[in-house]
Amino acid sequence: LKPTSALIYSGDEIIHPNFSENMHHEAELVLLIGKTIKNASEKE
């Protein structure tokens, strides 16, 4: 998990903490799951 405070919006400043010298970026596919599911089938 990541905290929702880690979410920034397009155009926001990316903060690079001073306690790290090696920040990398990766493109990710982001899904918004719109309902509660558990042990779901692929279709669900």
PDB file of all heavy atoms in Angstrom:
ATOM      1  N   LEU A   1       0.829  -1.201   0.000  1.00  0.00           N
ATOM      2  CA  LEU A   1       0.000   0.000   0.000  1.00  0.00           C
ATOM      3  C   LEU A   1       0.862   1.249   0.000  1.00  0.00           C
ATOM      4  O   LEU A   1       1.975   1.247   0.513  1.00  0.00           O
ATOM      5  CB  LEU A   1      -0.893   0.032   1.246  1.00  0.00           C
ATOM      6  CG  LEU A   1      -1.856  -1.135   1.434  1.00  0.00           C
ATOM      7  CD1 LEU A   1      -2.571  -1.001   2.773  1.00  0.00           C
ATOM      8  CD2 LEU A   1      -2.850  -1.200   0.307  1.00  0.00           C
ATOM      9  N   LYS A   2       0.334   2.321  -0.572  1.00  0.00           N
ATOM     10  CA  LYS A   2       0.921   3.650  -0.451  1.00  0.00           C
ATOM     11  C   LYS A   2      -0.163   4.544   0.137  1.00  0.00           C
ATOM     12  O   LYS A   2      -1.353   4.372  -0.147  1.00  0.00           O
ATOM     13  CB  LYS A   2       1.361   4.193  -1.816  1.00  0.00           C
ATOM     14  CG  LYS A   2       2.600   3.510  -2.355  1.00  0.00           C
ATOM     15  CD  LYS A   2       3.189   4.275  -3.512  1.00  0.00           C
ATOM     16  CE  LYS A   2       4.488   3.632  -3.957  1.00  0.00           C
ATOM     17  NZ  LYS A   2       5.219   4.451  -4.900  1.00  0.00           N
ATOM     18  N   PRO A   3       0.228   5.526   0.951  1.00  0.00           N
ATOM     19  CA  PRO A   3      -0.790   6.422   1.511  1.00  0.00           C
ATOM     20  C   PRO A   3      -1.366   7.324   0.422  1.00  0.00           C
ATOM     21  O   PRO A   3      -0.686   7.645  -0.561  1.00  0.00           O
ATOM     22  CB  PRO A   3      -0.016   7.236   2.553  1.00  0.00           C
ATOM     23  CG  PRO A   3       1.396   7.214   2.059  1.00  0.00           C
ATOM     24  CD  PRO A   3       1.581   5.876   1.380  1.00  0.00           C
ATOM     25  N   THR A   4      -2.599   7.731   0.589  1.00  0.00           N
ATOM     26  CA  THR A   4      -3.200   8.625  -0.402  1.00  0.00           C
ATOM     27  C   THR A   4      -2.470   9.966  -0.455  1.00  0.00           C
ATOM     28  O   THR A   4      -2.529  10.663  -1.456  1.00  0.00           O
ATOM     29  CB  THR A   4      -4.701   8.856  -0.129  1.00  0.00           C
ATOM     30  OG1 THR A   4      -4.861   9.363   1.202  1.00  0.00           O
ATOM     31  CG2 THR A   4      -5.486   7.573  -0.283  1.00  0.00           C
ATOM     32  N   SER A   5      -1.731  10.302   0.596  1.00  0.00           N
ATOM     33  CA  SER A   5      -0.953  11.548   0.574  1.00  0.00           C
ATOM     34  C   SER A   5       0.184  11.470  -0.453  1.00  0.00           C
ATOM     35  O   SER A   5       0.763  12.501  -0.814  1.00  0.00           O
ATOM     36  CB  SER A   5      -0.387  11.857   1.965  1.00  0.00           C
ATOM     37  OG  SER A   5       0.459  10.812   2.404  1.00  0.00           O
ATOM     38  N   ALA A   6       0.514  10.276  -0.933  1.00  0.00           N
ATOM     39  CA  ALA A   6       1.556  10.115  -1.953  1.00  0.00           C
ATOM     40  C   ALA A   6       1.044  10.499  -3.340  1.00  0.00           C
ATOM     41  O   ALA A   6       1.833  10.686  -4.262  1.00  0.00           O
ATOM     42  CB  ALA A   6       2.046   8.668  -1.977  1.00  0.00           C
ATOM     43  N   LEU A   7      -0.253  10.641  -3.480  1.00  0.00           N
ATOM     44  CA  LEU A   7      -0.851  10.975  -4.766  1.00  0.00           C
ATOM     45  C   LEU A   7      -0.719  12.467  -5.046  1.00  0.00           C
ATOM     46  O   LEU A   7      -1.125  13.302  -4.228  1.00  0.00           O
ATOM     47  CB  LEU A   7      -2.337  10.589  -4.757  1.00  0.00           C
ATOM     48  CG  LEU A   7      -3.163  10.938  -5.983  1.00  0.00           C
ATOM     49  CD1 LEU A   7      -2.664  10.169  -7.199  1.00  0.00           C
ATOM     50  CD2 LEU A   7      -4.633  10.639  -5.720  1.00  0.00           C
ATOM     51  N   ILE A   8      -0.101  12.801  -6.176  1.00  0.00           N
ATOM     52  CA  ILE A   8      -0.065  14.188  -6.615  1.00  0.00           C
ATOM     53  C   ILE A   8      -0.680  14.250  -8.000  1.00  0.00           C
ATOM     54  O   ILE A   8      -0.770  13.240  -8.697  1.00  0.00           O
ATOM     55  CB  ILE A   8       1.361  14.793  -6.590  1.00  0.00           C
ATOM     56  CG1 ILE A   8       2.282  14.098  -7.587  1.00  0.00           C
ATOM     57  CG2 ILE A   8       1.942  14.758  -5.185  1.00  0.00           C
ATOM     58  CD1 ILE A   8       3.627  14.785  -7.754  1.00  0.00           C
ATOM     59  N   TYR A   9      -1.089  15.440  -8.386  1.00  0.00           N
ATOM     60  CA  TYR A   9      -1.791  15.612  -9.648  1.00  0.00           C
ATOM     61  C   TYR A   9      -0.860  16.153 -10.726  1.00  0.00           C
ATOM     62  O   TYR A   9       0.190  16.722 -10.433  1.00  0.00           O
ATOM     63  CB  TYR A   9      -2.984  16.543  -9.454  1.00  0.00           C
ATOM     64  CG  TYR A   9      -3.958  16.020  -8.415  1.00  0.00           C
ATOM     65  CD1 TYR A   9      -4.005  16.582  -7.146  1.00  0.00           C
ATOM     66  CD2 TYR A   9      -4.801  14.960  -8.701  1.00  0.00           C
ATOM     67  CE1 TYR A   9      -4.888  16.097  -6.185  1.00  0.00           C
ATOM     68  CE2 TYR A   9      -5.680  14.473  -7.743  1.00  0.00           C
ATOM     69  CZ  TYR A   9      -5.719  15.042  -6.500  1.00  0.00           C
ATOM     70  OH  TYR A   9      -6.590  14.574  -5.552  1.00  0.00           O
ATOM     71  N   SER A  10      -1.254  15.997 -11.951  1.00  0.00           N
ATOM     72  CA  SER A  10      -0.491  16.500 -13.087  1.00  0.00           C
ATOM     73  C   SER A  10      -0.173  17.975 -12.872  1.00  0.00           C
ATOM     74  O   SER A  10      -1.056  18.771 -12.566  1.00  0.00           O
ATOM     75  CB  SER A  10      -1.301  16.314 -14.375  1.00  0.00           C
ATOM     76  OG  SER A  10      -0.591  16.791 -15.480  1.00  0.00           O
ATOM     77  N   GLY A  11       1.101  18.304 -12.989  1.00  0.00           N
ATOM     78  CA  GLY A  11       1.528  19.682 -12.793  1.00  0.00           C
ATOM     79  C   GLY A  11       2.015  19.982 -11.387  1.00  0.00           C
ATOM     80  O   GLY A  11       2.675  20.996 -11.166  1.00  0.00           O
ATOM     81  N   ASP A  12       1.719  19.105 -10.416  1.00  0.00           N
ATOM     82  CA  ASP A  12       2.214  19.300  -9.051  1.00  0.00           C
ATOM     83  C   ASP A  12       3.717  19.042  -8.995  1.00  0.00           C
ATOM     84  O   ASP A  12       4.272  18.315  -9.818  1.00  0.00           O
ATOM     85  CB  ASP A  12       1.523  18.341  -8.067  1.00  0.00           C
ATOM     86  CG  ASP A  12       0.094  18.729  -7.749  1.00  0.00           C
ATOM     87  OD1 ASP A  12      -0.348  19.806  -8.189  1.00  0.00           O
ATOM     88  OD2 ASP A  12      -0.586  17.934  -7.068  1.00  0.00           O
ATOM     89  N   GLU A  13       4.353  19.620  -7.998  1.00  0.00           N
ATOM     90  CA  GLU A  13       5.792  19.435  -7.808  1.00  0.00           C
ATOM     91  C   GLU A  13       6.074  18.058  -7.221  1.00  0.00           C
ATOM     92  O   GLU A  13       5.429  17.628  -6.261  1.00  0.00           O
ATOM     93  CB  GLU A  13       6.336  20.502  -6.861  1.00  0.00           C
ATOM     94  CG  GLU A  13       7.810  20.383  -6.589  1.00  0.00           C
ATOM     95  CD  GLU A  13       8.330  21.423  -5.607  1.00  0.00           C
ATOM     96  OE1 GLU A  13       7.550  22.296  -5.192  1.00  0.00           O
ATOM     97  OE2 GLU A  13       9.515  21.343  -5.265  1.00  0.00           O
ATOM     98  N   ILE A  14       7.046  17.360  -7.799  1.00  0.00           N
ATOM     99  CA  ILE A  14       7.510  16.088  -7.251  1.00  0.00           C
ATOM    100  C   ILE A  14       8.568  16.414  -6.212  1.00  0.00           C
ATOM    101  O   ILE A  14       9.539  17.106  -6.504  1.00  0.00           O
ATOM    102  CB  ILE A  14       8.090  15.182  -8.352  1.00  0.00           C
ATOM    103  CG1 ILE A  14       7.001  14.811  -9.354  1.00  0.00           C
ATOM    104  CG2 ILE A  14       8.726  13.939  -7.734  1.00  0.00           C
ATOM    105  CD1 ILE A  14       7.507  14.088 -10.584  1.00  0.00           C
ATOM    106  N   ILE A  15       8.369  15.949  -5.005  1.00  0.00           N
ATOM    107  CA  ILE A  15       9.295  16.245  -3.917  1.00  0.00           C
ATOM    108  C   ILE A  15      10.329  15.131  -3.822  1.00  0.00           C
ATOM    109  O   ILE A  15       9.983  13.957  -3.700  1.00  0.00           O
ATOM    110  CB  ILE A  15       8.546  16.394  -2.574  1.00  0.00           C
ATOM    111  CG1 ILE A  15       7.558  17.558  -2.681  1.00  0.00           C
ATOM    112  CG2 ILE A  15       9.515  16.589  -1.425  1.00  0.00           C
ATOM    113  CD1 ILE A  15       6.576  17.642  -1.543  1.00  0.00           C
ATOM    114  N   HIS A  16      11.601  15.499  -3.912  1.00  0.00           N
ATOM    115  CA  HIS A  16      12.696  14.546  -3.763  1.00  0.00           C
ATOM    116  C   HIS A  16      13.294  14.764  -2.374  1.00  0.00           C
ATOM    117  O   HIS A  16      14.002  15.741  -2.155  1.00  0.00           O
ATOM    118  CB  HIS A  16      13.751  14.772  -4.848  1.00  0.00           C
ATOM    119  CG  HIS A  16      14.829  13.740  -4.849  1.00  0.00           C
ATOM    120  ND1 HIS A  16      15.662  13.568  -5.909  1.00  0.00           N
ATOM    121  CD2 HIS A  16      15.219  12.826  -3.935  1.00  0.00           C
ATOM    122  CE1 HIS A  16      16.517  12.601  -5.650  1.00  0.00           C
ATOM    123  NE2 HIS A  16      16.263  12.145  -4.449  1.00  0.00           N
ATOM    124  N   PRO A  17      13.020  13.851  -1.427  1.00  0.00           N
ATOM    125  CA  PRO A  17      13.506  14.047  -0.057  1.00  0.00           C
ATOM    126  C   PRO A  17      15.032  14.112  -0.004  1.00  0.00           C
ATOM    127  O   PRO A  17      15.716  13.421  -0.755  1.00  0.00           O
ATOM    128  CB  PRO A  17      13.003  12.812   0.692  1.00  0.00           C
ATOM    129  CG  PRO A  17      12.025  12.156  -0.197  1.00  0.00           C
ATOM    130  CD  PRO A  17      12.285  12.613  -1.584  1.00  0.00           C
ATOM    131  N   ASN A  18      15.551  14.914   0.916  1.00  0.00           N
ATOM    132  CA  ASN A  18      16.997  15.079   1.006  1.00  0.00           C
ATOM    133  C   ASN A  18      17.703  13.868   1.618  1.00  0.00           C
ATOM    134  O   ASN A  18      18.923  13.801   1.617  1.00  0.00           O
ATOM    135  CB  ASN A  18      17.354  16.357   1.777  1.00  0.00           C
ATOM    136  CG  ASN A  18      16.834  16.356   3.194  1.00  0.00           C
ATOM    137  OD1 ASN A  18      16.309  15.372   3.681  1.00  0.00           O
ATOM    138  ND2 ASN A  18      16.964  17.485   3.863  1.00  0.00           N
ATOM    139  N   PHE A  19      16.958  12.888   2.124  1.00  0.00           N
ATOM    140  CA  PHE A  19      17.584  11.697   2.700  1.00  0.00           C
ATOM    141  C   PHE A  19      17.776  10.584   1.671  1.00  0.00           C
ATOM    142  O   PHE A  19      18.172   9.472   2.005  1.00  0.00           O
ATOM    143  CB  PHE A  19      16.784  11.176   3.906  1.00  0.00           C
ATOM    144  CG  PHE A  19      15.324  10.939   3.623  1.00  0.00           C
ATOM    145  CD1 PHE A  19      14.887   9.777   3.003  1.00  0.00           C
ATOM    146  CD2 PHE A  19      14.391  11.891   3.998  1.00  0.00           C
ATOM    147  CE1 PHE A  19      13.544   9.562   2.752  1.00  0.00           C
ATOM    148  CE2 PHE A  19      13.035  11.680   3.752  1.00  0.00           C
ATOM    149  CZ  PHE A  19      12.619  10.513   3.128  1.00  0.00           C
ATOM    150  N   SER A  20      17.508  10.879   0.396  1.00  0.00           N
ATOM    151  CA  SER A  20      17.701   9.905  -0.675  1.00  0.00           C
ATOM    152  C   SER A  20      18.466  10.556  -1.817  1.00  0.00           C
ATOM    153  O   SER A  20      18.244  11.717  -2.128  1.00  0.00           O
ATOM    154  CB  SER A  20      16.343   9.411  -1.192  1.00  0.00           C
ATOM    155  OG  SER A  20      16.516   8.626  -2.356  1.00  0.00           O
ATOM    156  N   GLU A  21      19.339   9.771  -2.416  1.00  0.00           N
ATOM    157  CA  GLU A  21      20.105  10.272  -3.556  1.00  0.00           C
ATOM    158  C   GLU A  21      19.815   9.489  -4.830  1.00  0.00           C
ATOM    159  O   GLU A  21      20.517   9.647  -5.827  1.00  0.00           O
ATOM    160  CB  GLU A  21      21.605  10.205  -3.237  1.00  0.00           C
ATOM    161  CG  GLU A  21      22.000  11.108  -2.079  1.00  0.00           C
ATOM    162  CD  GLU A  21      23.479  11.050  -1.762  1.00  0.00           C
ATOM    163  OE1 GLU A  21      24.246  10.467  -2.546  1.00  0.00           O
ATOM    164  OE2 GLU A  21      23.858  11.598  -0.718  1.00  0.00           O
ATOM    165  N   ASN A  22      18.801   8.625  -4.807  1.00  0.00           N
ATOM    166  CA  ASN A  22      18.579   7.732  -5.938  1.00  0.00           C
ATOM    167  C   ASN A  22      17.080   7.532  -6.182  1.00  0.00           C
ATOM    168  O   ASN A  22      16.525   6.491  -5.859  1.00  0.00           O
ATOM    169  CB  ASN A  22      19.274   6.392  -5.675  1.00  0.00           C
ATOM    170  CG  ASN A  22      19.350   5.525  -6.899  1.00  0.00           C
ATOM    171  OD1 ASN A  22      19.016   5.939  -7.996  1.00  0.00           O
ATOM    172  ND2 ASN A  22      19.792   4.294  -6.709  1.00  0.00           N
ATOM    173  N   MET A  23      16.442   8.554  -6.752  1.00  0.00           N
ATOM    174  CA  MET A  23      15.016   8.470  -7.032  1.00  0.00           C
ATOM    175  C   MET A  23      14.816   8.076  -8.500  1.00  0.00           C
ATOM    176  O   MET A  23      15.356   8.716  -9.391  1.00  0.00           O
ATOM    177  CB  MET A  23      14.310   9.792  -6.742  1.00  0.00           C
ATOM    178  CG  MET A  23      12.814   9.725  -6.967  1.00  0.00           C
ATOM    179  SD  MET A  23      11.871  11.073  -6.213  1.00  0.00           S
ATOM    180  CE  MET A  23      12.447  12.485  -7.107  1.00  0.00           C
ATOM    181  N   HIS A  24      14.060   7.006  -8.719  1.00  0.00           N
ATOM    182  CA  HIS A  24      13.755   6.530 -10.069  1.00  0.00           C
ATOM    183  C   HIS A  24      12.271   6.726 -10.352  1.00  0.00           C
ATOM    184  O   HIS A  24      11.464   6.818  -9.437  1.00  0.00           O
ATOM    185  CB  HIS A  24      14.071   5.038 -10.194  1.00  0.00           C
ATOM    186  CG  HIS A  24      15.522   4.743 -10.280  1.00  0.00           C
ATOM    187  ND1 HIS A  24      16.020   3.750 -11.075  1.00  0.00           N
ATOM    188  CD2 HIS A  24      16.600   5.299  -9.687  1.00  0.00           C
ATOM    189  CE1 HIS A  24      17.328   3.699 -10.966  1.00  0.00           C
ATOM    190  NE2 HIS A  24      17.706   4.617 -10.116  1.00  0.00           N
ATOM    191  N   HIS A  25      11.929   6.744 -11.627  1.00  0.00           N
ATOM    192  CA  HIS A  25      10.523   6.827 -12.017  1.00  0.00           C
ATOM    193  C   HIS A  25      10.173   5.630 -12.897  1.00  0.00           C
ATOM    194  O   HIS A  25      11.028   5.078 -13.581  1.00  0.00           O
ATOM    195  CB  HIS A  25      10.240   8.125 -12.769  1.00  0.00           C
ATOM    196  CG  HIS A  25      10.977   8.226 -14.078  1.00  0.00           C
ATOM    197  ND1 HIS A  25      12.283   8.640 -14.150  1.00  0.00           N
ATOM    198  CD2 HIS A  25      10.585   7.945 -15.333  1.00  0.00           C
ATOM    199  CE1 HIS A  25      12.661   8.619 -15.416  1.00  0.00           C
ATOM    200  NE2 HIS A  25      11.656   8.209 -16.160  1.00  0.00           N
ATOM    201  N   GLU A  26       8.926   5.235 -12.815  1.00  0.00           N
ATOM    202  CA  GLU A  26       8.393   4.156 -13.643  1.00  0.00           C
ATOM    203  C   GLU A  26       6.989   4.542 -14.080  1.00  0.00           C
ATOM    204  O   GLU A  26       6.202   5.040 -13.276  1.00  0.00           O
ATOM    205  CB  GLU A  26       8.296   2.842 -12.851  1.00  0.00           C
ATOM    206  CG  GLU A  26       9.592   2.314 -12.335  1.00  0.00           C
ATOM    207  CD  GLU A  26       9.388   1.080 -11.448  1.00  0.00           C
ATOM    208  OE1 GLU A  26       8.230   0.723 -11.142  1.00  0.00           O
ATOM    209  OE2 GLU A  26      10.395   0.484 -11.058  1.00  0.00           O
ATOM    210  N   ALA A  27       6.681   4.302 -15.341  1.00  0.00           N
ATOM    211  CA  ALA A  27       5.310   4.489 -15.814  1.00  0.00           C
ATOM    212  C   ALA A  27       4.478   3.304 -15.325  1.00  0.00           C
ATOM    213  O   ALA A  27       4.945   2.166 -15.323  1.00  0.00           O
ATOM    214  CB  ALA A  27       5.278   4.564 -17.330  1.00  0.00           C
ATOM    215  N   GLU A  28       3.294   3.585 -14.880  1.00  0.00           N
ATOM    216  CA  GLU A  28       2.414   2.547 -14.329  1.00  0.00           C
ATOM    217  C   GLU A  28       1.014   2.656 -14.923  1.00  0.00           C
ATOM    218  O   GLU A  28       0.543   3.754 -15.205  1.00  0.00           O
ATOM    219  CB  GLU A  28       2.291   2.708 -12.802  1.00  0.00           C
ATOM    220  CG  GLU A  28       3.591   2.638 -12.043  1.00  0.00           C
ATOM    221  CD  GLU A  28       4.162   1.240 -11.911  1.00  0.00           C
ATOM    222  OE1 GLU A  28       3.529   0.267 -12.366  1.00  0.00           O
ATOM    223  OE2 GLU A  28       5.264   1.119 -11.348  1.00  0.00           O
ATOM    224  N   LEU A  29       0.370   1.522 -15.084  1.00  0.00           N
ATOM    225  CA  LEU A  29      -1.051   1.487 -15.410  1.00  0.00           C
ATOM    226  C   LEU A  29      -1.797   1.629 -14.093  1.00  0.00           C
ATOM    227  O   LEU A  29      -1.525   0.902 -13.134  1.00  0.00           O
ATOM    228  CB  LEU A  29      -1.430   0.170 -16.091  1.00  0.00           C
ATOM    229  CG  LEU A  29      -2.917  -0.045 -16.344  1.00  0.00           C
ATOM    230  CD1 LEU A  29      -3.464   1.018 -17.284  1.00  0.00           C
ATOM    231  CD2 LEU A  29      -3.166  -1.431 -16.909  1.00  0.00           C
ATOM    232  N   VAL A  30      -2.711   2.587 -14.017  1.00  0.00           N
ATOM    233  CA  VAL A  30      -3.468   2.854 -12.799  1.00  0.00           C
ATOM    234  C   VAL A  30      -4.924   2.496 -13.047  1.00  0.00           C
ATOM    235  O   VAL A  30      -5.523   2.952 -14.021  1.00  0.00           O
ATOM    236  CB  VAL A  30      -3.345   4.348 -12.405  1.00  0.00           C
ATOM    237  CG1 VAL A  30      -4.161   4.629 -11.155  1.00  0.00           C
ATOM    238  CG2 VAL A  30      -1.894   4.737 -12.223  1.00  0.00           C
ATOM    239  N   LEU A  31      -5.473   1.682 -12.173  1.00  0.00           N
ATOM    240  CA  LEU A  31      -6.883   1.304 -12.263  1.00  0.00           C
ATOM    241  C   LEU A  31      -7.645   1.886 -11.084  1.00  0.00           C
ATOM    242  O   LEU A  31      -7.161   1.847  -9.956  1.00  0.00           O
ATOM    243  CB  LEU A  31      -7.044  -0.222 -12.232  1.00  0.00           C
ATOM    244  CG  LEU A  31      -6.339  -1.019 -13.308  1.00  0.00           C
ATOM    245  CD1 LEU A  31      -6.543  -2.514 -13.077  1.00  0.00           C
ATOM    246  CD2 LEU A  31      -6.833  -0.624 -14.680  1.00  0.00           C
ATOM    247  N   LEU A  32      -8.835   2.397 -11.343  1.00  0.00           N
ATOM    248  CA  LEU A  32      -9.738   2.812 -10.284  1.00  0.00           C
ATOM    249  C   LEU A  32     -10.777   1.708 -10.136  1.00  0.00           C
ATOM    250  O   LEU A  32     -11.541   1.441 -11.072  1.00  0.00           O
ATOM    251  CB  LEU A  32     -10.430   4.142 -10.626  1.00  0.00           C
ATOM    252  CG  LEU A  32     -11.484   4.596  -9.628  1.00  0.00           C
ATOM    253  CD1 LEU A  32     -10.858   4.902  -8.267  1.00  0.00           C
ATOM    254  CD2 LEU A  32     -12.218   5.809 -10.147  1.00  0.00           C
ATOM    255  N   ILE A  33     -10.750   1.045  -8.985  1.00  0.00           N
ATOM    256  CA  ILE A  33     -11.716  -0.019  -8.713  1.00  0.00           C
ATOM    257  C   ILE A  33     -12.927   0.645  -8.063  1.00  0.00           C
ATOM    258  O   ILE A  33     -12.818   1.245  -6.995  1.00  0.00           O
ATOM    259  CB  ILE A  33     -11.113  -1.104  -7.791  1.00  0.00           C
ATOM    260  CG1 ILE A  33      -9.796  -1.640  -8.376  1.00  0.00           C
ATOM    261  CG2 ILE A  33     -12.117  -2.230  -7.559  1.00  0.00           C
ATOM    262  CD1 ILE A  33      -9.912  -2.251  -9.754  1.00  0.00           C
ATOM    263  N   GLY A  34     -14.068   0.533  -8.716  1.00  0.00           N
ATOM    264  CA  GLY A  34     -15.243   1.293  -8.308  1.00  0.00           C
ATOM    265  C   GLY A  34     -16.209   0.596  -7.385  1.00  0.00           C
ATOM    266  O   GLY A  34     -17.223   1.186  -7.010  1.00  0.00           O
ATOM    267  N   LYS A  35     -15.921  -0.648  -7.000  1.00  0.00           N
ATOM    268  CA  LYS A  35     -16.805  -1.321  -6.044  1.00  0.00           C
ATOM    269  C   LYS A  35     -16.000  -2.329  -5.242  1.00  0.00           C
ATOM    270  O   LYS A  35     -14.913  -2.745  -5.656  1.00  0.00           O
ATOM    271  CB  LYS A  35     -17.991  -1.978  -6.739  1.00  0.00           C
ATOM    272  CG  LYS A  35     -17.649  -3.023  -7.778  1.00  0.00           C
ATOM    273  CD  LYS A  35     -18.935  -3.540  -8.420  1.00  0.00           C
ATOM    274  CE  LYS A  35     -18.662  -4.378  -9.636  1.00  0.00           C
ATOM    275  NZ  LYS A  35     -19.879  -4.842 -10.277  1.00  0.00           N
ATOM    276  N   THR A  36     -16.531  -2.709  -4.112  1.00  0.00           N
ATOM    277  CA  THR A  36     -15.857  -3.663  -3.246  1.00  0.00           C
ATOM    278  C   THR A  36     -15.956  -5.057  -3.846  1.00  0.00           C
ATOM    279  O   THR A  36     -17.056  -5.511  -4.185  1.00  0.00           O
ATOM    280  CB  THR A  36     -16.495  -3.656  -1.841  1.00  0.00           C
ATOM    281  OG1 THR A  36     -16.402  -2.324  -1.313  1.00  0.00           O
ATOM    282  CG2 THR A  36     -15.800  -4.629  -0.916  1.00  0.00           C
ATOM    283  N   ILE A  37     -14.797  -5.695  -3.979  1.00  0.00           N
ATOM    284  CA  ILE A  37     -14.772  -7.073  -4.474  1.00  0.00           C
ATOM    285  C   ILE A  37     -13.776  -7.871  -3.646  1.00  0.00           C
ATOM    286  O   ILE A  37     -12.853  -7.315  -3.054  1.00  0.00           O
ATOM    287  CB  ILE A  37     -14.390  -7.157  -5.974  1.00  0.00           C
ATOM    288  CG1 ILE A  37     -13.041  -6.491  -6.241  1.00  0.00           C
ATOM    289  CG2 ILE A  37     -15.473  -6.561  -6.854  1.00  0.00           C
ATOM    290  CD1 ILE A  37     -12.536  -6.682  -7.656  1.00  0.00           C
ATOM    291  N   LYS A  38     -13.984  -9.162  -3.595  1.00  0.00           N
ATOM    292  CA  LYS A  38     -13.081 -10.052  -2.878  1.00  0.00           C
ATOM    293  C   LYS A  38     -13.158 -11.421  -3.532  1.00  0.00           C
ATOM    294  O   LYS A  38     -14.253 -11.910  -3.841  1.00  0.00           O
ATOM    295  CB  LYS A  38     -13.483 -10.145  -1.400  1.00  0.00           C
ATOM    296  CG  LYS A  38     -12.538 -10.977  -0.568  1.00  0.00           C
ATOM    297  CD  LYS A  38     -12.918 -10.931   0.898  1.00  0.00           C
ATOM    298  CE  LYS A  38     -11.939 -11.749   1.697  1.00  0.00           C
ATOM    299  NZ  LYS A  38     -12.219 -11.687   3.131  1.00  0.00           N
ATOM    300  N   ASN A  39     -11.985 -12.018  -3.755  1.00  0.00           N
ATOM    301  CA  ASN A  39     -11.924 -13.332  -4.398  1.00  0.00           C
ATOM    302  C   ASN A  39     -12.740 -13.346  -5.683  1.00  0.00           C
ATOM    303  O   ASN A  39     -13.501 -14.281  -5.947  1.00  0.00           O
ATOM    304  CB  ASN A  39     -12.403 -14.438  -3.439  1.00  0.00           C
ATOM    305  CG  ASN A  39     -11.557 -14.506  -2.189  1.00  0.00           C
ATOM    306  OD1 ASN A  39     -10.341 -14.358  -2.254  1.00  0.00           O
ATOM    307  ND2 ASN A  39     -12.180 -14.704  -1.049  1.00  0.00           N
ATOM    308  N   ALA A  40     -12.599 -12.308  -6.462  1.00  0.00           N
ATOM    309  CA  ALA A  40     -13.408 -12.109  -7.663  1.00  0.00           C
ATOM    310  C   ALA A  40     -12.924 -12.986  -8.813  1.00  0.00           C
ATOM    311  O   ALA A  40     -11.737 -13.291  -8.927  1.00  0.00           O
ATOM    312  CB  ALA A  40     -13.366 -10.652  -8.075  1.00  0.00           C
ATOM    313  N   SER A  41     -13.850 -13.336  -9.666  1.00  0.00           N
ATOM    314  CA  SER A  41     -13.494 -13.997 -10.917  1.00  0.00           C
ATOM    315  C   SER A  41     -12.875 -12.942 -11.829  1.00  0.00           C
ATOM    316  O   SER A  41     -12.956 -11.738 -11.561  1.00  0.00           O
ATOM    317  CB  SER A  41     -14.739 -14.585 -11.585  1.00  0.00           C
ATOM    318  OG  SER A  41     -15.592 -13.532 -12.026  1.00  0.00           O
ATOM    319  N   GLU A  42     -12.268 -13.376 -12.919  1.00  0.00           N
ATOM    320  CA  GLU A  42     -11.685 -12.430 -13.863  1.00  0.00           C
ATOM    321  C   GLU A  42     -12.763 -11.484 -14.395  1.00  0.00           C
ATOM    322  O   GLU A  42     -12.543 -10.280 -14.511  1.00  0.00           O
ATOM    323  CB  GLU A  42     -11.027 -13.187 -15.013  1.00  0.00           C
ATOM    324  CG  GLU A  42     -10.245 -12.312 -15.942  1.00  0.00           C
ATOM    325  CD  GLU A  42      -9.464 -13.086 -16.986  1.00  0.00           C
ATOM    326  OE1 GLU A  42      -9.033 -14.212 -16.716  1.00  0.00           O
ATOM    327  OE2 GLU A  42      -9.291 -12.538 -18.096  1.00  0.00           O
ATOM    328  N   LYS A  43     -13.940 -12.002 -14.674  1.00  0.00           N
ATOM    329  CA  LYS A  43     -15.042 -11.182 -15.194  1.00  0.00           C
ATOM    330  C   LYS A  43     -15.501 -10.161 -14.146  1.00  0.00           C
ATOM    331  O   LYS A  43     -15.704  -8.984 -14.463  1.00  0.00           O
ATOM    332  CB  LYS A  43     -16.207 -12.081 -15.612  1.00  0.00           C
ATOM    333  CG  LYS A  43     -17.386 -11.332 -16.228  1.00  0.00           C
ATOM    334  CD  LYS A  43     -18.469 -12.308 -16.668  1.00  0.00           C
ATOM    335  CE  LYS A  43     -19.541 -11.720 -17.497  1.00  0.00           C
ATOM    336  NZ  LYS A  43     -20.392 -10.738 -16.941  1.00  0.00           N
ATOM    337  N   GLU A  44     -15.661 -10.600 -12.897  1.00  0.00           N
ATOM    338  CA  GLU A  44     -16.079  -9.685 -11.830  1.00  0.00           C
ATOM    339  C   GLU A  44     -15.030  -8.590 -11.595  1.00  0.00           C
ATOM    340  O   GLU A  44     -15.376  -7.423 -11.384  1.00  0.00           O
ATOM    341  CB  GLU A  44     -16.305 -10.451 -10.529  1.00  0.00           C
ATOM    342  CG  GLU A  44     -17.504 -11.378 -10.559  1.00  0.00           C
ATOM    343  CD  GLU A  44     -17.526 -12.335  -9.379  1.00  0.00           C
ATOM    344  OE1 GLU A  44     -16.455 -12.799  -8.951  1.00  0.00           O
ATOM    345  OE2 GLU A  44     -18.642 -12.614  -8.888  1.00  0.00           O
TER     346      GLU A  44
END
